[in-house]
Amino acid sequence: MSDLVAIMPAGAASGRILTTAGDLAWWASVADRERPPRPTPRYAAYRRTGLPCPRCGHPIAARDLNGRRLNWCPGCQGGAAS
């Protein structure tokens, strides 16, 4: 959660969805913040159900939550979503 707190202001300022610390580093390195190109997306959990987490190797979990698909790493982010 604290990762998202750090990334959200940059996402709001850029008008883009930033999802990883790498995206935050990219945003901080961009000199022209008018219309910077979007980096290639790197998702740790999105659409990776059952695959190993790139950070800890634990299988990515998924479930439906309020009509949306939720993906997360139980190893990095804790147990089941409630």
Protein backbone atom coordinates (compact mmCIF):
# COMPACT_ATOMS: atom_id res chain seq x y z
CA MET A 1 0.00 0.00 0.00
CA SER A 2 2.80 2.45 0.81
CA ASP A 3 4.16 1.83 -2.72
CA LEU A 4 0.89 3.09 -4.17
CA VAL A 5 0.89 6.15 -1.92
CA ALA A 6 4.27 7.12 -3.39
CA ILE A 7 3.23 6.45 -7.00
CA MET A 8 -0.27 8.00 -7.03
CA PRO A 9 0.78 11.70 -7.04
CA ALA A 10 3.07 11.07 -10.02
CA GLY A 11 0.25 9.25 -11.80
CA ALA A 12 -2.13 12.14 -11.17
CA ALA A 13 0.44 14.67 -12.38
CA SER A 14 1.23 12.67 -15.51
CA GLY A 15 -2.36 11.76 -16.32
CA ARG A 16 -1.21 8.16 -16.67
CA ILE A 17 -1.63 4.99 -14.67
CA LEU A 18 1.72 4.20 -13.04
CA THR A 19 1.78 0.75 -11.49
CA THR A 20 5.33 0.00 -10.35
CA ALA A 21 8.30 1.64 -8.70
CA GLY A 22 9.97 1.41 -12.13
CA ASP A 23 7.20 3.58 -13.55
CA LEU A 24 7.83 6.10 -10.78
CA ALA A 25 11.56 6.15 -11.60
CA TRP A 26 10.68 6.63 -15.28
CA TRP A 27 8.40 9.55 -14.44
CA ALA A 28 11.03 11.20 -12.25
CA SER A 29 13.59 10.92 -15.07
CA VAL A 30 11.42 12.52 -17.77
CA ALA A 31 12.56 16.08 -18.48
CA ASP A 32 9.56 17.17 -20.62
CA ARG A 33 6.50 16.37 -18.54
CA GLU A 34 4.09 17.92 -21.07
CA ARG A 35 3.45 14.71 -23.02
CA PRO A 36 6.08 12.11 -22.18
CA PRO A 37 5.92 8.75 -23.94
CA ARG A 38 4.52 5.90 -21.88
CA PRO A 39 7.02 3.18 -20.99
CA THR A 40 6.28 -0.40 -21.91
CA PRO A 41 3.92 -1.72 -19.20
CA ARG A 42 5.45 -4.08 -16.65
CA TYR A 43 2.90 -5.75 -14.47
CA ALA A 44 3.85 -7.86 -11.49
CA ALA A 45 0.40 -9.42 -11.04
CA TYR A 46 -2.10 -8.21 -13.67
CA ARG A 47 -3.09 -11.04 -16.03
CA ARG A 48 -0.45 -13.33 -14.50
CA THR A 49 -2.67 -15.68 -12.46
CA GLY A 50 -0.72 -18.80 -11.48
CA LEU A 51 2.60 -17.49 -12.79
CA PRO A 52 5.45 -16.79 -10.36
CA CYS A 53 5.70 -13.31 -8.87
CA PRO A 54 8.73 -11.54 -10.36
CA ARG A 55 9.67 -10.28 -6.87
CA CYS A 56 9.27 -13.34 -4.60
CA GLY A 57 8.37 -16.30 -6.87
CA HIS A 58 5.04 -17.05 -5.15
CA PRO A 59 2.21 -17.90 -7.60
CA ILE A 60 0.01 -14.91 -8.46
CA ALA A 61 -3.53 -15.29 -7.11
CA ALA A 62 -6.78 -13.93 -8.55
CA ARG A 63 -10.43 -13.67 -7.66
CA ASP A 64 -13.51 -11.69 -8.62
CA LEU A 65 -14.29 -8.81 -6.31
CA ASN A 66 -17.34 -6.60 -6.89
CA GLY A 67 -17.47 -7.49 -10.57
CA ARG A 68 -13.76 -6.87 -11.19
CA ARG A 69 -10.84 -9.28 -11.44
CA LEU A 70 -8.31 -8.76 -8.65
CA ASN A 71 -4.76 -10.09 -9.09
CA TRP A 72 -2.20 -10.06 -6.28
CA CYS A 73 0.83 -11.83 -4.90
CA PRO A 74 0.03 -13.58 -1.60
CA GLY A 75 3.77 -13.68 -0.85
CA CYS A 76 4.35 -9.92 -1.21
CA GLN A 77 0.88 -8.58 -0.48
CA GLY A 78 -0.56 -11.02 2.03
CA GLY A 79 -3.26 -13.68 2.02
CA ALA A 80 -6.65 -13.85 0.38
CA ALA A 81 -8.53 -10.71 -0.57
CA SER A 82 -11.63 -10.16 1.50
